Amino acid sequence: MDRIFAEFSHKVASWAGRPGAFMAALAVVLIWGCTGPLFHYSDTWQLVINTGTTIVTFLMVFLIQNAQNRDAAAIQAKLDELIRASRSARNGFIGIEHLTEAQLQQISAALEKNNDDDAKHSKLLLDRVIQRR
């Protein structure tokens, strides 16, 4: 069941991000708007679009979140492998995505502080790269 849902959510999320999906949604809204005079802009006519968009939005949140969770986990695994494979990288960074926000901020602040020593050298390197363009 998990595999079927994962494939389905990935396909839907992929399709929803394409221009054709936007054009289909726009067409539905335009057709709905054009039928307003036919239904005398009734409460039922308005309820159709409100209910339809609410249902689609509600379901898409879960499908897209599933696809994003899977993609984020895959990227994290790839980054962890790069850290593990690099001799100069600190393996202590593997798995830090499980830390609290406060712990991540402490790590970030410590890295920025350590980086201040190398900042001048890094800025010179970046300036050279920019000048080459």
N, C-alpha and C. Protein backbone atom coordinates (compact mmCIF):
# COMPACT_ATOMS: atom_id res chain seq x y z
N MET A 1 0.83 -1.20 0.00
CA MET A 1 0.00 0.00 0.00
C MET A 1 0.87 1.26 0.00
N ASP A 2 1.96 1.24 0.79
CA ASP A 2 2.84 2.41 0.85
C ASP A 2 3.44 2.72 -0.51
N ARG A 3 3.86 1.68 -1.22
CA ARG A 3 4.49 1.87 -2.53
C ARG A 3 3.49 2.43 -3.53
N ILE A 4 2.28 1.94 -3.51
CA ILE A 4 1.24 2.42 -4.43
C ILE A 4 0.95 3.89 -4.15
N PHE A 5 0.80 4.23 -2.86
CA PHE A 5 0.53 5.62 -2.51
C PHE A 5 1.70 6.52 -2.88
N ALA A 6 2.92 6.04 -2.65
CA ALA A 6 4.11 6.84 -2.98
C ALA A 6 4.17 7.11 -4.48
N GLU A 7 3.94 6.10 -5.29
CA GLU A 7 3.96 6.30 -6.74
C GLU A 7 2.85 7.24 -7.18
N PHE A 8 1.65 7.03 -6.62
CA PHE A 8 0.51 7.88 -6.97
C PHE A 8 0.78 9.33 -6.59
N SER A 9 1.26 9.56 -5.37
CA SER A 9 1.50 10.93 -4.92
C SER A 9 2.60 11.59 -5.73
N HIS A 10 3.63 10.83 -6.10
CA HIS A 10 4.71 11.39 -6.91
C HIS A 10 4.18 11.80 -8.29
N LYS A 11 3.37 10.95 -8.90
CA LYS A 11 2.82 11.27 -10.23
C LYS A 11 1.88 12.48 -10.17
N VAL A 12 1.03 12.53 -9.15
CA VAL A 12 0.11 13.66 -9.03
C VAL A 12 0.86 14.95 -8.75
N ALA A 13 1.84 14.90 -7.84
CA ALA A 13 2.62 16.10 -7.53
C ALA A 13 3.39 16.57 -8.76
N SER A 14 3.92 15.63 -9.52
CA SER A 14 4.64 15.98 -10.74
C SER A 14 3.70 16.61 -11.76
N TRP A 15 2.53 16.03 -11.92
CA TRP A 15 1.56 16.56 -12.88
C TRP A 15 1.06 17.93 -12.43
N ALA A 16 0.80 18.09 -11.12
CA ALA A 16 0.25 19.34 -10.61
C ALA A 16 1.19 20.52 -10.81
N GLY A 17 2.48 20.25 -10.95
CA GLY A 17 3.45 21.32 -11.13
C GLY A 17 3.69 21.70 -12.58
N ARG A 18 2.96 21.13 -13.48
CA ARG A 18 3.15 21.42 -14.91
C ARG A 18 2.19 22.49 -15.40
N PRO A 19 2.58 23.17 -16.47
CA PRO A 19 1.70 24.22 -17.02
C PRO A 19 0.33 23.69 -17.43
N GLY A 20 0.27 22.46 -17.90
CA GLY A 20 -1.02 21.89 -18.31
C GLY A 20 -2.01 21.81 -17.16
N ALA A 21 -1.53 21.51 -15.97
CA ALA A 21 -2.41 21.44 -14.80
C ALA A 21 -2.97 22.82 -14.49
N PHE A 22 -2.12 23.83 -14.59
CA PHE A 22 -2.59 25.19 -14.35
C PHE A 22 -3.63 25.58 -15.40
N MET A 23 -3.36 25.24 -16.64
CA MET A 23 -4.31 25.59 -17.70
C MET A 23 -5.64 24.85 -17.51
N ALA A 24 -5.60 23.60 -17.06
CA ALA A 24 -6.83 22.86 -16.80
C ALA A 24 -7.63 23.51 -15.67
N ALA A 25 -6.93 23.91 -14.60
CA ALA A 25 -7.61 24.57 -13.49
C ALA A 25 -8.20 25.91 -13.93
N LEU A 26 -7.43 26.64 -14.73
CA LEU A 26 -7.93 27.92 -15.24
C LEU A 26 -9.15 27.70 -16.12
N ALA A 27 -9.14 26.67 -16.94
CA ALA A 27 -10.29 26.38 -17.81
C ALA A 27 -11.53 26.06 -16.97
N VAL A 28 -11.35 25.29 -15.91
CA VAL A 28 -12.49 24.96 -15.03
C VAL A 28 -13.07 26.23 -14.44
N VAL A 29 -12.21 27.13 -13.97
CA VAL A 29 -12.69 28.38 -13.37
C VAL A 29 -13.38 29.25 -14.41
N LEU A 30 -12.82 29.31 -15.61
CA LEU A 30 -13.45 30.12 -16.67
C LEU A 30 -14.81 29.54 -17.07
N ILE A 31 -14.88 28.24 -17.21
CA ILE A 31 -16.17 27.60 -17.55
C ILE A 31 -17.17 27.85 -16.44
N TRP A 32 -16.73 27.70 -15.20
CA TRP A 32 -17.62 27.97 -14.06
C TRP A 32 -18.10 29.42 -14.10
N GLY A 33 -17.18 30.36 -14.35
CA GLY A 33 -17.55 31.78 -14.41
C GLY A 33 -18.53 32.07 -15.53
N CYS A 34 -18.33 31.45 -16.67
CA CYS A 34 -19.23 31.67 -17.81
C CYS A 34 -20.61 31.09 -17.58
N THR A 35 -20.72 30.07 -16.73
CA THR A 35 -22.04 29.49 -16.47
C THR A 35 -22.82 30.26 -15.41
N GLY A 36 -22.22 31.28 -14.83
CA GLY A 36 -22.90 32.08 -13.82
C GLY A 36 -24.25 32.61 -14.27
N PRO A 37 -24.31 33.28 -15.43
CA PRO A 37 -25.61 33.80 -15.86
C PRO A 37 -26.64 32.68 -16.10
N LEU A 38 -26.18 31.54 -16.55
CA LEU A 38 -27.08 30.41 -16.81
C LEU A 38 -27.74 29.94 -15.52
N PHE A 39 -27.00 29.97 -14.44
CA PHE A 39 -27.53 29.53 -13.14
C PHE A 39 -27.92 30.72 -12.26
N HIS A 40 -27.96 31.91 -12.83
CA HIS A 40 -28.38 33.14 -12.15
C HIS A 40 -27.52 33.40 -10.91
N TYR A 41 -26.25 33.07 -11.00
CA TYR A 41 -25.30 33.31 -9.91
C TYR A 41 -25.86 32.83 -8.56
N SER A 42 -26.47 31.67 -8.57
CA SER A 42 -27.14 31.15 -7.38
C SER A 42 -26.13 30.69 -6.32
N ASP A 43 -26.66 30.45 -5.14
CA ASP A 43 -25.82 29.94 -4.05
C ASP A 43 -25.26 28.56 -4.41
N THR A 44 -26.04 27.75 -5.08
CA THR A 44 -25.59 26.42 -5.50
C THR A 44 -24.46 26.55 -6.50
N TRP A 45 -24.57 27.49 -7.41
CA TRP A 45 -23.52 27.72 -8.41
C TRP A 45 -22.22 28.09 -7.71
N GLN A 46 -22.27 28.95 -6.70
CA GLN A 46 -21.09 29.33 -5.95
C GLN A 46 -20.57 28.16 -5.10
N LEU A 47 -21.48 27.37 -4.56
CA LEU A 47 -21.10 26.24 -3.73
C LEU A 47 -20.32 25.20 -4.52
N VAL A 48 -20.63 25.06 -5.79
CA VAL A 48 -19.93 24.08 -6.63
C VAL A 48 -18.44 24.39 -6.69
N ILE A 49 -18.08 25.63 -6.98
CA ILE A 49 -16.65 25.98 -7.09
C ILE A 49 -15.99 25.96 -5.72
N ASN A 50 -16.68 26.44 -4.70
CA ASN A 50 -16.10 26.45 -3.36
C ASN A 50 -15.83 25.04 -2.86
N THR A 51 -16.78 24.16 -3.04
CA THR A 51 -16.62 22.78 -2.58
C THR A 51 -15.54 22.08 -3.40
N GLY A 52 -15.57 22.25 -4.70
CA GLY A 52 -14.57 21.61 -5.56
C GLY A 52 -13.16 22.04 -5.24
N THR A 53 -12.94 23.33 -5.10
CA THR A 53 -11.59 23.80 -4.80
C THR A 53 -11.14 23.39 -3.41
N THR A 54 -12.05 23.35 -2.46
CA THR A 54 -11.69 22.93 -1.11
C THR A 54 -11.27 21.46 -1.10
N ILE A 55 -12.02 20.62 -1.77
CA ILE A 55 -11.68 19.19 -1.81
C ILE A 55 -10.35 18.96 -2.51
N VAL A 56 -10.15 19.60 -3.65
CA VAL A 56 -8.89 19.44 -4.38
C VAL A 56 -7.72 19.93 -3.54
N THR A 57 -7.86 21.09 -2.92
CA THR A 57 -6.79 21.64 -2.08
C THR A 57 -6.48 20.72 -0.91
N PHE A 58 -7.49 20.24 -0.25
CA PHE A 58 -7.32 19.36 0.90
C PHE A 58 -6.56 18.10 0.52
N LEU A 59 -6.94 17.47 -0.57
CA LEU A 59 -6.27 16.23 -0.99
C LEU A 59 -4.85 16.49 -1.51
N MET A 60 -4.67 17.59 -2.23
CA MET A 60 -3.36 17.90 -2.79
C MET A 60 -2.33 18.18 -1.70
N VAL A 61 -2.75 18.74 -0.59
CA VAL A 61 -1.82 19.01 0.51
C VAL A 61 -1.14 17.71 0.94
N PHE A 62 -1.91 16.65 1.10
CA PHE A 62 -1.35 15.38 1.55
C PHE A 62 -0.49 14.72 0.48
N LEU A 63 -0.93 14.79 -0.75
CA LEU A 63 -0.16 14.17 -1.83
C LEU A 63 1.17 14.88 -2.05
N ILE A 64 1.14 16.19 -2.08
CA ILE A 64 2.37 16.95 -2.30
C ILE A 64 3.30 16.83 -1.10
N GLN A 65 2.74 16.83 0.12
CA GLN A 65 3.58 16.67 1.31
C GLN A 65 4.28 15.32 1.30
N ASN A 66 3.59 14.28 0.87
CA ASN A 66 4.20 12.96 0.79
C ASN A 66 5.36 12.96 -0.19
N ALA A 67 5.15 13.56 -1.35
CA ALA A 67 6.22 13.62 -2.35
C ALA A 67 7.40 14.44 -1.84
N GLN A 68 7.14 15.55 -1.17
CA GLN A 68 8.21 16.38 -0.64
C GLN A 68 8.97 15.67 0.49
N ASN A 69 8.27 14.96 1.34
CA ASN A 69 8.93 14.22 2.41
C ASN A 69 9.89 13.18 1.83
N ARG A 70 9.44 12.47 0.82
CA ARG A 70 10.27 11.45 0.19
C ARG A 70 11.48 12.08 -0.49
N ASP A 71 11.28 13.17 -1.20
CA ASP A 71 12.38 13.85 -1.87
C ASP A 71 13.39 14.40 -0.86
N ALA A 72 12.89 14.99 0.23
CA ALA A 72 13.79 15.52 1.26
C ALA A 72 14.60 14.40 1.91
N ALA A 73 13.97 13.26 2.16
CA ALA A 73 14.68 12.14 2.76
C ALA A 73 15.76 11.61 1.82
N ALA A 74 15.45 11.58 0.52
CA ALA A 74 16.45 11.11 -0.45
C ALA A 74 17.63 12.08 -0.53
N ILE A 75 17.35 13.36 -0.54
CA ILE A 75 18.42 14.36 -0.59
C ILE A 75 19.27 14.27 0.67
N GLN A 76 18.61 14.11 1.83
CA GLN A 76 19.34 14.01 3.08
C GLN A 76 20.25 12.79 3.08
N ALA A 77 19.75 11.66 2.57
CA ALA A 77 20.58 10.45 2.50
C ALA A 77 21.78 10.67 1.59
N LYS A 78 21.58 11.36 0.49
CA LYS A 78 22.69 11.65 -0.43
C LYS A 78 23.72 12.56 0.23
N LEU A 79 23.25 13.58 0.94
CA LEU A 79 24.17 14.47 1.63
C LEU A 79 24.94 13.73 2.72
N ASP A 80 24.24 12.87 3.46
CA ASP A 80 24.92 12.07 4.49
C ASP A 80 26.01 11.20 3.87
N GLU A 81 25.73 10.62 2.72
CA GLU A 81 26.73 9.78 2.04
C GLU A 81 27.92 10.62 1.59
N LEU A 82 27.68 11.83 1.11
CA LEU A 82 28.79 12.71 0.71
C LEU A 82 29.65 13.07 1.93
N ILE A 83 29.01 13.35 3.05
CA ILE A 83 29.76 13.66 4.27
C ILE A 83 30.59 12.43 4.68
N ARG A 84 29.95 11.26 4.67
CA ARG A 84 30.63 10.05 5.08
C ARG A 84 31.81 9.73 4.18
N ALA A 85 31.65 9.98 2.88
CA ALA A 85 32.69 9.61 1.91
C ALA A 85 33.84 10.62 1.88
N SER A 86 33.61 11.84 2.32
CA SER A 86 34.64 12.87 2.27
C SER A 86 35.55 12.75 3.50
N ARG A 87 36.84 12.67 3.26
CA ARG A 87 37.79 12.51 4.37
C ARG A 87 37.86 13.76 5.24
N SER A 88 37.68 14.93 4.65
CA SER A 88 37.82 16.16 5.43
C SER A 88 36.51 16.60 6.09
N ALA A 89 35.40 15.95 5.73
CA ALA A 89 34.11 16.32 6.34
C ALA A 89 34.00 15.74 7.75
N ARG A 90 33.21 16.43 8.57
CA ARG A 90 32.98 15.96 9.93
C ARG A 90 31.74 15.06 9.95
N ASN A 91 31.94 13.80 10.29
CA ASN A 91 30.83 12.84 10.30
C ASN A 91 29.79 13.16 11.36
N GLY A 92 30.11 14.03 12.28
CA GLY A 92 29.16 14.43 13.30
C GLY A 92 27.95 15.16 12.73
N PHE A 93 28.05 15.61 11.49
CA PHE A 93 26.93 16.31 10.87
C PHE A 93 25.88 15.35 10.32
N ILE A 94 26.23 14.09 10.20
CA ILE A 94 25.26 13.10 9.70
C ILE A 94 24.14 12.96 10.73
N GLY A 95 22.93 13.15 10.27
CA GLY A 95 21.75 12.99 11.13
C GLY A 95 21.33 14.23 11.90
N ILE A 96 21.96 15.38 11.63
CA ILE A 96 21.59 16.57 12.42
C ILE A 96 20.18 17.07 12.10
N GLU A 97 19.58 16.55 11.05
CA GLU A 97 18.20 16.97 10.74
C GLU A 97 17.22 16.53 11.82
N HIS A 98 17.65 15.63 12.70
CA HIS A 98 16.80 15.15 13.79
C HIS A 98 16.93 16.00 15.05
N LEU A 99 17.82 16.98 15.04
CA LEU A 99 18.00 17.84 16.21
C LEU A 99 16.87 18.85 16.30
N THR A 100 16.77 19.50 17.46
CA THR A 100 15.76 20.55 17.64
C THR A 100 16.21 21.81 16.91
N GLU A 101 15.28 22.72 16.75
CA GLU A 101 15.59 24.00 16.09
C GLU A 101 16.67 24.75 16.85
N ALA A 102 16.58 24.75 18.18
CA ALA A 102 17.57 25.45 19.01
C ALA A 102 18.96 24.84 18.82
N GLN A 103 19.04 23.53 18.78
CA GLN A 103 20.33 22.86 18.58
C GLN A 103 20.91 23.19 17.21
N LEU A 104 20.05 23.21 16.19
CA LEU A 104 20.52 23.57 14.85
C LEU A 104 21.02 25.00 14.80
N GLN A 105 20.36 25.90 15.51
CA GLN A 105 20.81 27.29 15.55
C GLN A 105 22.16 27.42 16.25
N GLN A 106 22.38 26.63 17.30
CA GLN A 106 23.67 26.63 17.98
C GLN A 106 24.78 26.16 17.05
N ILE A 107 24.51 25.11 16.30
CA ILE A 107 25.50 24.60 15.35
C ILE A 107 25.79 25.64 14.28
N SER A 108 24.74 26.26 13.78
CA SER A 108 24.89 27.29 12.75
C SER A 108 25.72 28.46 13.26
N ALA A 109 25.45 28.90 14.48
CA ALA A 109 26.20 30.01 15.07
C ALA A 109 27.67 29.64 15.25
N ALA A 110 27.93 28.42 15.69
CA ALA A 110 29.32 27.97 15.87
C ALA A 110 30.05 27.90 14.53
N LEU A 111 29.36 27.43 13.51
CA LEU A 111 29.98 27.36 12.18
C LEU A 111 30.28 28.75 11.64
N GLU A 112 29.35 29.68 11.84
CA GLU A 112 29.58 31.05 11.39
C GLU A 112 30.75 31.68 12.12
N LYS A 113 30.86 31.40 13.42
CA LYS A 113 31.97 31.94 14.19
C LYS A 113 33.29 31.37 13.70
N ASN A 114 33.34 30.07 13.44
CA ASN A 114 34.54 29.44 12.91
C ASN A 114 34.87 29.96 11.51
N ASN A 115 33.84 30.31 10.79
CA ASN A 115 34.03 30.77 9.42
C ASN A 115 34.58 32.19 9.36
N ASP A 116 34.41 32.96 10.42
CA ASP A 116 34.90 34.34 10.43
C ASP A 116 36.40 34.40 10.16
N ASP A 117 37.13 33.40 10.65
CA ASP A 117 38.58 33.38 10.43
C ASP A 117 38.91 33.20 8.95
N ASP A 118 38.10 32.40 8.29
CA ASP A 118 38.34 32.12 6.87
C ASP A 118 37.57 33.07 5.95
N ALA A 119 36.79 33.97 6.53
CA ALA A 119 35.90 34.82 5.72
C ALA A 119 36.67 35.71 4.75
N LYS A 120 37.76 36.29 5.22
CA LYS A 120 38.52 37.17 4.34
C LYS A 120 39.09 36.40 3.16
N HIS A 121 39.62 35.23 3.42
CA HIS A 121 40.16 34.39 2.35
C HIS A 121 39.04 33.97 1.38
N SER A 122 37.89 33.57 1.94
CA SER A 122 36.77 33.15 1.12
C SER A 122 36.25 34.30 0.27
N LYS A 123 36.19 35.50 0.86
CA LYS A 123 35.70 36.66 0.12
C LYS A 123 36.61 36.96 -1.07
N LEU A 124 37.91 36.84 -0.86
CA LEU A 124 38.85 37.06 -1.97
C LEU A 124 38.62 36.03 -3.08
N LEU A 125 38.41 34.79 -2.70
CA LEU A 125 38.15 33.75 -3.70
C LEU A 125 36.85 34.02 -4.46
N LEU A 126 35.82 34.41 -3.73
CA LEU A 126 34.54 34.71 -4.38
C LEU A 126 34.66 35.92 -5.30
N ASP A 127 35.38 36.93 -4.87
CA ASP A 127 35.59 38.10 -5.72
C ASP A 127 36.28 37.72 -7.02
N ARG A 128 37.26 36.83 -6.94
CA ARG A 128 37.95 36.38 -8.15
C ARG A 128 37.02 35.63 -9.09
N VAL A 129 36.17 34.79 -8.51
CA VAL A 129 35.21 34.02 -9.34
C VAL A 129 34.24 34.98 -10.03
N ILE A 130 33.77 35.98 -9.30
CA ILE A 130 32.82 36.94 -9.86
C ILE A 130 33.48 37.76 -10.97
N GLN A 131 34.72 38.14 -10.78
CA GLN A 131 35.43 38.94 -11.79
C GLN A 131 35.63 38.14 -13.06
N ARG A 132 35.78 36.84 -12.99
CA ARG A 132 35.96 36.01 -14.16
C ARG A 132 34.73 35.98 -15.04
N ARG A 133 33.60 36.18 -14.48
CA ARG A 133 32.36 36.15 -15.26
C ARG A 133 32.25 37.43 -16.00
